[in-house]
């Protein structure tokens, strides 16, 4: 009996031939694969393998980016906290730093430290996790504290600029106007007035639009600070534009007055040195001394005297000159702090005002928003570094405080910065004295004394 042939049926969907065997007791389908379908299967396998590799590489790239972001944010937060804490502890430990200006500096350090502890930490959690994890109410708390401490930091810098203005431009009125009571009142205003634009409008919902308020209720896992046009104008003016305008004009007046005083000081010293040198020259010539090599030596003497100060200086004059130089150096340091603050916060407020007034027509990437926020936050980390680099008193106090904190002799008393200052001034005075009396000048003095001794004989 002849066997029945197999029946081949083509499957158009998969490109495979299905063979039907009718002779077997149980009918079965046997799949056969054509060469074209083999190539497609290999290509599908290769594509899936490449996709898995790309996904794994992208996952590792995301993990590396997350680690870098966490490291950078953690460094900024810790540096801001411990740096500003070092400022506060150093001023408390060293009596010489307890001056009126440093009251504002300590209060500013406290505001910057709270910015790091409250504002930066919540922002870092959003940047690292991609969502808000603390609920609707804590979103308002975070936004209000962020606005509050940032505004307080700006107002502190404004108060510092006013303090420096009276110290440099109007020094006679400074002890009368800048008393401890006035300073306490200014500090109280810098901590109370930011609450008007921070807590009240945010908790009452005046700061944002109705649409964003409804969106926040439906999406409690998001905490975007979207404000209306009225609030952005009022808050940015109080927090940034008005105080920075005051700081710019006060520091322009301070630098102009400081340069004028320095030029006047050098002019007085130069005139006094020239008159003193000519008087001494006339005395030498009246005694019959011929200064054959006085051309070069007299020029050297005059330049040294003009540069270093009056030959007949008194301790009172030295203290006044040292005090004036210290005031000018403090003004420069605080001017650098103000300039750094403006450079750090100006990008944020430009973004803050422009995107709010422009609306949806001006979209901004999330990465840009994160960058301008953290550039502003970074200012709270920079202030202690500026103190340590530009102010010698703070540098010595920081060194002594760190030695006390990390060395075994933790209970030793703070270093006497005034004694160190006096010792350095005496060394500078000795160097100045040696530089004034050149060899030629000393030679002529010895010659004059020997002639007087011979005539007496």
Protein backbone atom coordinates (compact mmCIF):
# COMPACT_ATOMS: atom_id res chain seq x y z
CA UNK A 1 0.00 0.00 0.00
CA UNK A 2 1.44 3.32 -1.05
CA UNK A 3 2.23 5.86 1.66
CA UNK A 4 0.36 9.11 1.61
CA UNK A 5 2.55 12.12 0.88
CA UNK A 6 2.96 14.91 3.36
CA UNK A 7 0.97 18.05 2.83
CA UNK A 8 3.00 21.28 3.02
CA UNK A 9 1.19 24.45 4.05
CA UNK A 10 2.98 27.81 3.98
CA UNK A 11 2.50 30.12 6.97
CA UNK A 12 2.58 33.68 5.59
CA UNK A 13 2.87 35.31 9.00
CA UNK A 14 6.08 33.62 10.11
CA UNK A 15 7.60 32.67 6.75
CA UNK A 16 7.76 29.00 7.75
CA UNK A 17 6.45 25.86 5.97
CA UNK A 18 4.18 23.60 8.01
CA UNK A 19 4.20 19.90 6.95
CA UNK A 20 1.09 17.84 7.71
CA UNK A 21 1.61 14.05 7.91
CA UNK A 22 -1.70 12.28 7.21
CA UNK A 23 -0.43 8.71 7.58
CA UNK A 24 0.35 8.77 11.25
CA UNK A 25 -2.23 7.71 13.72
CA UNK A 26 -2.11 11.11 15.24
CA UNK A 27 -1.86 13.96 12.87
CA UNK A 28 1.08 16.27 13.61
CA UNK A 29 2.50 19.46 12.31
CA UNK A 30 6.23 19.65 11.73
CA UNK A 31 7.79 23.09 11.37
CA UNK A 32 10.56 23.57 8.86
CA UNK A 33 12.59 26.74 8.55
CA UNK A 34 13.81 28.37 5.37
CA UNK A 35 17.26 30.04 5.16
CA UNK A 36 15.68 33.54 5.05
CA UNK A 37 13.87 33.00 8.33
CA UNK A 38 17.15 31.86 9.98
CA UNK A 39 18.77 35.20 9.13
CA UNK A 40 15.82 37.10 10.54
CA UNK A 41 16.01 35.15 13.78
CA UNK A 42 19.73 35.81 14.14
CA UNK A 43 19.15 39.50 13.47
CA UNK A 44 16.42 39.63 16.11
CA UNK A 45 18.71 37.91 18.64
CA UNK A 46 21.56 40.31 17.85
CA UNK A 47 19.27 43.32 18.13
CA UNK A 48 17.94 42.20 21.50
CA UNK A 49 21.49 41.56 22.78
CA UNK A 50 22.67 45.02 21.69
CA UNK A 51 19.61 46.58 23.29
CA UNK A 52 20.35 44.86 26.59
CA UNK A 53 24.00 45.99 26.46
CA UNK A 54 22.94 49.60 25.75
CA UNK A 55 20.42 49.54 28.56
CA UNK A 56 23.03 48.19 30.97
CA UNK A 57 25.54 50.86 29.92
CA UNK A 58 22.89 53.55 30.27
CA UNK A 59 22.01 52.21 33.69
CA UNK A 60 25.66 52.32 34.77
CA UNK A 61 25.93 55.86 33.34
CA UNK A 62 22.90 56.93 35.34
CA UNK A 63 24.37 55.39 38.48
CA UNK A 64 27.71 57.18 37.93
CA UNK A 65 25.93 60.49 37.30
CA UNK A 66 23.90 60.00 40.45
CA UNK A 67 27.04 59.31 42.47
CA UNK A 68 28.76 62.43 41.13
CA UNK A 69 25.71 64.60 41.83
CA UNK A 70 25.40 63.22 45.35
CA UNK A 71 29.12 63.78 46.01
CA UNK A 72 29.07 67.38 44.74
CA UNK A 73 25.92 68.30 46.63
CA UNK A 74 27.13 66.59 49.79
CA UNK A 75 30.45 68.45 49.62
CA UNK A 76 28.73 71.83 49.18
CA UNK A 77 26.34 71.14 52.06
CA UNK A 78 29.02 69.92 54.49
CA UNK A 79 31.46 72.69 53.55
CA UNK A 80 28.78 75.33 54.09
CA UNK A 81 27.76 73.92 57.46
CA UNK A 82 31.24 73.42 58.92
CA UNK A 83 32.73 76.54 57.32
CA UNK A 84 30.08 78.88 58.73
CA UNK A 85 30.19 77.05 62.06
CA UNK A 86 33.94 77.72 62.11
CA UNK A 87 33.26 81.45 61.65
CA UNK A 88 30.82 81.50 64.57
CA UNK A 89 33.11 79.53 66.91
CA UNK A 90 36.20 81.57 65.98
CA UNK A 91 34.49 84.88 66.77
CA UNK A 92 33.19 83.50 70.06
CA UNK A 93 36.65 82.22 71.09
CA UNK A 94 38.77 85.25 70.13
CA UNK A 95 38.11 88.56 71.81
CA UNK A 96 39.77 90.60 69.10
CA UNK A 97 37.16 89.49 66.57
CA UNK A 98 34.26 90.67 68.73
CA UNK A 99 33.78 93.97 66.95
CA UNK A 100 30.54 95.49 65.66
CA UNK A 101 31.12 94.47 62.06
CA UNK A 102 31.64 90.85 63.03
CA UNK A 103 28.26 90.79 64.76
CA UNK A 104 26.78 91.01 61.28
CA UNK A 105 29.29 88.45 60.03
CA UNK A 106 28.31 85.93 62.70
CA UNK A 107 24.62 86.45 61.99
CA UNK A 108 25.30 86.05 58.26
CA UNK A 109 27.17 82.80 58.97
CA UNK A 110 24.19 81.52 60.93
CA UNK A 111 21.84 82.31 58.03
CA UNK A 112 24.15 80.59 55.52
CA UNK A 113 24.46 77.55 57.77
CA UNK A 114 20.66 77.28 57.98
CA UNK A 115 20.44 77.58 54.20
CA UNK A 116 22.70 74.54 53.96
CA UNK A 117 20.87 72.55 56.60
CA UNK A 118 17.31 73.25 55.42
CA UNK A 119 17.17 74.49 51.83
CA UNK A 120 20.05 72.53 50.31
CA UNK A 121 19.19 69.18 51.87
CA UNK A 122 15.58 69.15 50.61
CA UNK A 123 16.68 70.29 47.15
CA UNK A 124 19.31 67.56 47.05
CA UNK A 125 16.70 64.92 47.85
CA UNK A 126 14.57 66.11 44.92
CA UNK A 127 17.53 66.16 42.54
CA UNK A 128 18.67 62.66 43.53
CA UNK A 129 15.30 60.89 43.70
CA UNK A 130 13.43 62.85 41.05
CA UNK A 131 10.34 63.43 43.20
CA UNK A 132 9.14 65.11 46.38
CA UNK A 133 8.79 62.61 49.22
CA UNK A 134 7.58 64.76 52.12
CA UNK A 135 4.00 65.72 51.29
CA UNK A 136 2.02 68.86 50.52
CA UNK A 137 2.56 70.72 53.81
CA UNK A 138 6.33 70.18 53.92
CA UNK A 139 6.58 71.54 50.39
CA UNK A 140 5.26 74.88 51.67
CA UNK A 141 7.63 74.68 54.64
CA UNK A 142 10.63 74.10 52.39
CA UNK A 143 9.75 76.89 49.96
CA UNK A 144 9.12 79.38 52.75
CA UNK A 145 12.37 78.56 54.58
CA UNK A 146 14.33 78.75 51.33
CA UNK A 147 12.99 82.24 50.61
CA UNK A 148 13.38 83.29 54.25
CA UNK A 149 17.04 82.34 54.77
CA UNK A 150 18.14 83.54 51.33
CA UNK A 151 16.52 86.93 51.91
CA UNK A 152 18.02 87.15 55.40
CA UNK A 153 21.47 86.48 53.93
CA UNK A 154 21.09 89.35 51.45
CA UNK A 155 19.84 91.76 54.11
CA UNK A 156 22.84 90.90 56.29
CA UNK A 157 25.18 91.87 53.47
CA UNK A 158 23.24 95.08 53.02
CA UNK A 159 23.68 95.89 56.73
CA UNK A 160 27.39 95.13 56.48
CA UNK A 161 27.75 97.55 53.57
CA UNK A 162 26.02 100.30 55.59
CA UNK A 163 28.30 99.57 58.57
CA UNK A 164 31.40 99.83 56.37
CA UNK A 165 30.06 103.02 54.79
CA UNK A 166 29.93 104.82 58.13
CA UNK A 167 33.28 103.36 59.24
CA UNK A 168 35.16 104.53 56.12
CA UNK A 169 33.25 107.52 54.73
CA UNK A 170 31.98 109.02 58.01
CA UNK A 171 34.38 107.80 60.71
CA UNK A 172 33.50 110.58 63.17
CA UNK A 173 29.83 109.63 63.15
CA UNK A 174 30.49 105.90 63.30
CA UNK A 175 30.76 105.54 67.13
CA UNK A 176 27.60 107.64 67.50
CA UNK A 177 25.49 105.94 64.83
CA UNK A 178 26.70 102.32 65.13
CA UNK A 179 26.06 101.54 68.77
CA UNK A 180 25.24 98.09 70.08
CA UNK A 181 21.58 99.04 70.35
CA UNK A 182 21.46 100.14 66.72
CA UNK A 183 23.22 96.95 65.61
CA UNK A 184 20.77 94.83 67.60
CA UNK A 185 17.84 96.64 65.97
CA UNK A 186 19.31 96.12 62.48
CA UNK A 187 19.90 92.42 63.14
CA UNK A 188 16.36 92.03 64.44
CA UNK A 189 14.99 93.57 61.25
CA UNK A 190 17.11 91.29 59.06
CA UNK A 191 15.57 88.24 60.74
CA UNK A 192 11.98 89.46 61.07
CA UNK A 193 11.32 91.29 57.79
CA UNK A 194 11.96 88.28 55.47
CA UNK A 195 9.02 86.51 57.09
CA UNK A 196 6.69 89.00 55.43
CA UNK A 197 7.46 87.66 51.96
CA UNK A 198 8.24 84.07 53.00
CA UNK A 199 5.79 82.53 55.44
CA UNK A 200 2.65 84.67 55.07
CA UNK A 201 2.07 84.55 51.29
CA UNK A 202 3.28 80.97 50.85
CA UNK A 203 1.15 79.38 53.59
CA UNK A 204 -1.88 81.43 52.58
CA UNK A 205 -1.46 80.51 48.91
CA UNK A 206 -1.01 84.10 47.68
CA UNK A 207 2.28 83.40 45.92
CA UNK A 208 1.10 81.02 43.17
CA UNK A 209 -1.65 80.71 40.56
CA UNK A 210 -4.95 78.87 41.02
CA UNK A 211 -4.00 76.32 38.38
CA UNK A 212 -0.76 75.44 40.10
CA UNK A 213 -2.53 75.19 43.45
CA UNK A 214 -4.99 72.61 42.07
CA UNK A 215 -2.15 70.75 40.36
CA UNK A 216 -0.24 70.50 43.63
CA UNK A 217 -3.26 69.07 45.40
CA UNK A 218 -3.59 66.35 42.75
CA UNK A 219 0.17 65.68 42.62
CA UNK A 220 1.59 65.84 46.16
CA UNK A 221 4.78 64.11 44.97
CA UNK A 222 5.85 67.27 43.09
CA UNK A 223 7.08 70.51 44.68
CA UNK A 224 7.77 73.11 41.99
CA UNK A 225 8.01 76.73 43.13
CA UNK A 226 5.77 78.41 40.54
CA UNK A 227 4.75 81.95 41.47
CA UNK A 228 2.45 84.61 40.01
CA UNK A 229 3.62 87.87 38.48
CA UNK A 230 2.76 90.09 41.44
CA UNK A 231 4.69 87.93 43.90
CA UNK A 232 7.76 87.63 41.68
CA UNK A 233 8.08 91.40 41.40
CA UNK A 234 7.57 92.07 45.11
CA UNK A 235 9.71 89.20 46.41
CA UNK A 236 12.61 89.71 43.99
CA UNK A 237 12.67 93.45 44.72
CA UNK A 238 12.81 92.93 48.50
CA UNK A 239 15.11 89.91 48.37
CA UNK A 240 17.61 91.03 45.74
CA UNK A 241 17.20 94.13 43.59
CA UNK A 242 16.76 96.82 46.27
CA UNK A 243 19.43 95.50 48.71
CA UNK A 244 21.93 94.95 45.92
CA UNK A 245 21.37 98.47 44.61
CA UNK A 246 22.09 99.84 48.09
CA UNK A 247 25.22 97.68 48.37
CA UNK A 248 26.55 98.77 44.99
CA UNK A 249 26.23 102.49 45.76
CA UNK A 250 27.62 102.20 49.29
CA UNK A 251 30.65 100.23 48.15
CA UNK A 252 31.32 102.64 45.31
CA UNK A 253 31.41 105.43 47.90
CA UNK A 254 33.58 103.28 50.20
CA UNK A 255 36.17 102.50 47.54
CA UNK A 256 36.27 106.09 46.35
CA UNK A 257 36.82 107.35 49.91
CA UNK A 258 39.39 104.63 50.68
CA UNK A 259 41.44 105.53 47.62
CA UNK A 260 41.25 109.23 48.52
CA UNK A 261 42.44 108.57 52.07
CA UNK A 262 45.31 106.40 50.92
CA UNK A 263 46.47 109.04 48.41
CA UNK A 264 46.18 111.73 51.07
CA UNK A 265 48.13 109.60 53.55
CA UNK A 266 50.96 108.93 51.10
CA UNK A 267 51.06 112.60 50.14
CA UNK A 268 51.38 113.72 53.76
CA UNK A 269 54.04 111.16 54.50
CA UNK A 270 55.97 112.10 51.37
CA UNK A 271 55.88 115.81 52.14
CA UNK A 272 56.95 115.19 55.74
CA UNK A 273 59.84 113.01 54.62
CA UNK A 274 61.06 115.50 52.06
CA UNK A 275 60.93 118.39 54.52
CA UNK A 276 62.73 116.34 57.17
CA UNK A 277 65.42 115.27 54.72
CA UNK A 278 66.04 118.80 53.46
CA UNK A 279 66.26 120.08 57.03
CA UNK A 280 68.84 117.43 57.90
CA UNK A 281 70.78 118.22 54.72
CA UNK A 282 70.96 121.91 55.66
CA UNK A 283 72.21 120.98 59.13
CA UNK A 284 74.93 118.78 57.69
CA UNK A 285 76.08 121.42 55.21
CA UNK A 286 76.19 124.13 57.94
CA UNK A 287 78.69 121.98 59.85
CA UNK A 288 80.98 121.85 56.87
CA UNK A 289 80.25 118.28 55.80
CA UNK A 290 80.53 117.64 52.07
CA UNK A 291 78.33 114.72 50.95
CA UNK A 292 80.21 113.68 47.89
CA UNK A 293 78.12 110.56 47.31
CA UNK A 294 74.82 111.98 48.58
CA UNK A 295 73.09 111.95 45.20
CA UNK A 296 72.19 108.29 45.11
CA UNK A 297 71.91 107.87 48.86
CA UNK A 298 69.60 110.85 49.33
CA UNK A 299 67.29 109.55 46.61
CA UNK A 300 67.25 106.13 48.21
CA UNK A 301 66.56 107.64 51.60
CA UNK A 302 63.66 109.74 50.32
CA UNK A 303 62.02 106.81 48.53
CA UNK A 304 62.32 104.62 51.62
CA UNK A 305 60.89 107.34 53.83
CA UNK A 306 58.00 108.07 51.52
CA UNK A 307 57.17 104.40 51.29
CA UNK A 308 57.51 103.45 54.91
CA UNK A 309 56.28 106.47 56.82
CA UNK A 310 57.35 109.38 58.94
CA UNK A 311 60.75 109.18 60.52
CA UNK A 312 59.44 110.72 63.73
CA UNK A 313 56.42 108.45 64.03
CA UNK A 314 54.67 108.08 67.33
CA UNK A 315 52.76 105.09 68.71
CA UNK A 316 49.50 107.05 68.32
CA UNK A 317 50.20 107.72 64.64
CA UNK A 318 51.16 104.10 64.08
CA UNK A 319 47.96 102.88 65.71
CA UNK A 320 45.84 105.24 63.60
CA UNK A 321 47.55 104.16 60.40
CA UNK A 322 47.22 100.48 61.31
CA UNK A 323 43.56 100.96 62.18
CA UNK A 324 42.86 102.75 58.91
CA UNK A 325 44.60 100.05 56.89
CA UNK A 326 42.66 97.39 58.77
CA UNK A 327 39.38 99.18 58.02
CA UNK A 328 40.27 99.42 54.33
CA UNK A 329 41.24 95.76 54.16
CA UNK A 330 38.01 94.76 55.86
CA UNK A 331 36.09 96.88 53.36
CA UNK A 332 37.85 95.14 50.46
CA UNK A 333 37.12 91.72 51.96
CA UNK A 334 33.46 92.49 52.44
CA UNK A 335 33.33 94.01 48.97
CA UNK A 336 34.61 90.72 47.56
CA UNK A 337 31.92 88.91 49.57
CA UNK A 338 29.27 91.22 48.12
CA UNK A 339 30.56 90.74 44.56
CA UNK A 340 30.62 86.99 44.99
CA UNK A 341 27.07 87.06 46.31
CA UNK A 342 25.84 89.04 43.30
CA UNK A 343 27.59 86.71 40.85
CA UNK A 344 26.11 83.67 42.57
CA UNK A 345 22.53 84.86 42.94
CA UNK A 346 22.12 87.08 39.85
CA UNK A 347 21.58 84.09 37.45
CA UNK A 348 18.87 82.70 39.73
CA UNK A 349 16.92 85.97 40.00
CA UNK A 350 17.22 86.62 36.27
CA UNK A 351 15.74 83.16 35.62
CA UNK A 352 13.17 83.62 38.39
CA UNK A 353 11.82 86.92 37.03
CA UNK A 354 12.09 86.24 33.30
CA UNK A 355 10.41 82.81 33.28
CA UNK A 356 7.57 83.98 35.52
CA UNK A 357 6.81 87.12 33.51
CA UNK A 358 7.21 85.31 30.19
CA UNK A 359 5.07 82.32 31.19
CA UNK A 360 4.74 79.17 29.13
CA UNK A 361 6.22 80.91 26.10
CA UNK A 362 9.67 80.67 27.72
CA UNK A 363 10.27 77.04 28.75
CA UNK A 364 13.40 76.24 30.72
CA UNK A 365 15.07 72.81 31.01
CA UNK A 366 15.14 71.20 34.42
CA UNK A 367 18.94 70.98 34.36
CA UNK A 368 19.18 74.78 34.00
CA UNK A 369 16.85 75.28 36.96
CA UNK A 370 18.93 72.94 39.11
CA UNK A 371 22.18 74.66 38.11
CA UNK A 372 20.99 78.21 38.91
CA UNK A 373 19.63 77.03 42.27
CA UNK A 374 22.91 75.38 43.29
CA UNK A 375 25.05 78.27 42.06
CA UNK A 376 23.10 80.45 44.45
CA UNK A 377 23.44 77.90 47.24
CA UNK A 378 27.19 77.71 46.63
CA UNK A 379 27.52 81.30 47.87
CA UNK A 380 26.87 80.07 51.43
CA UNK A 381 29.97 77.88 51.08
CA UNK A 382 32.22 80.61 49.67
CA UNK A 383 31.91 83.21 52.45
CA UNK A 384 34.10 81.39 55.03
CA UNK A 385 36.71 80.73 52.33
CA UNK A 386 36.80 84.45 51.52
CA UNK A 387 37.30 85.30 55.20
CA UNK A 388 40.16 82.82 55.52
CA UNK A 389 41.93 83.97 52.36
CA UNK A 390 41.63 87.75 52.60
CA UNK A 391 41.45 88.50 56.34
CA UNK A 392 44.53 87.74 58.43
CA UNK A 393 42.72 87.91 61.76
CA UNK A 394 40.14 85.37 60.65
CA UNK A 395 42.89 83.23 59.14
CA UNK A 396 44.77 83.09 62.43
CA UNK A 397 41.56 82.47 64.37
CA UNK A 398 40.55 79.66 62.01
CA UNK A 399 43.96 78.06 62.37
CA UNK A 400 43.85 78.23 66.13
CA UNK A 401 40.28 76.89 66.30
CA UNK A 402 41.07 73.97 63.99
CA UNK A 403 44.18 73.14 65.97
CA UNK A 404 42.08 73.14 69.13
CA UNK A 405 39.44 70.93 67.51
CA UNK A 406 41.72 68.30 65.95
CA UNK A 407 44.81 68.26 68.18
CA UNK A 408 45.24 66.52 71.49
CA UNK A 409 45.59 69.82 73.40
CA UNK A 410 41.93 70.65 73.03
CA UNK A 411 41.60 72.60 76.25
CA UNK A 412 44.26 75.17 75.62
CA UNK A 413 43.08 78.82 75.57
CA UNK A 414 42.60 80.69 72.29
CA UNK A 415 45.64 82.46 70.88
CA UNK A 416 46.13 86.12 71.66
CA UNK A 417 45.67 87.75 68.24
CA UNK A 418 46.48 91.18 69.64
CA UNK A 419 49.88 90.00 70.90
CA UNK A 420 50.54 88.46 67.51
CA UNK A 421 49.53 91.70 65.84
CA UNK A 422 51.83 93.79 68.05
CA UNK A 423 54.71 91.42 67.44
CA UNK A 424 54.27 91.68 63.67
CA UNK A 425 54.06 95.47 63.83
CA UNK A 426 57.29 95.66 65.85
CA UNK A 427 59.03 93.46 63.30
CA UNK A 428 57.81 95.68 60.50
CA UNK A 429 59.03 98.73 62.43
CA UNK A 430 62.52 97.22 62.80
CA UNK A 431 62.65 96.43 59.09
CA UNK A 432 61.47 99.93 58.30
CA UNK A 433 64.16 101.43 60.53
CA UNK A 434 66.90 99.34 58.93
CA UNK A 435 65.72 100.25 55.43
CA UNK A 436 65.62 104.01 56.19
CA UNK A 437 69.14 104.29 57.55
CA UNK A 438 71.29 103.33 54.61
CA UNK A 439 75.00 102.77 54.86
CA UNK A 440 75.87 106.16 53.38
CA UNK A 441 73.59 107.95 55.82
CA UNK A 442 75.08 106.15 58.81
CA UNK A 443 78.59 106.90 57.49
CA UNK A 444 77.88 110.64 57.43
CA UNK A 445 76.44 110.55 60.95
CA UNK A 446 79.62 108.86 62.24
CA UNK A 447 81.74 111.42 60.39
CA UNK A 448 79.78 114.29 61.96
CA UNK A 449 80.11 112.82 65.44
CA UNK A 450 83.88 112.31 65.05
CA UNK A 451 84.34 115.91 63.86
CA UNK A 452 82.38 117.24 66.83
CA UNK A 453 84.50 115.10 69.17
CA UNK A 454 87.72 116.39 67.58
CA UNK A 455 86.63 120.03 67.84
CA UNK A 456 85.80 119.56 71.50
CA UNK A 457 89.29 118.29 72.10
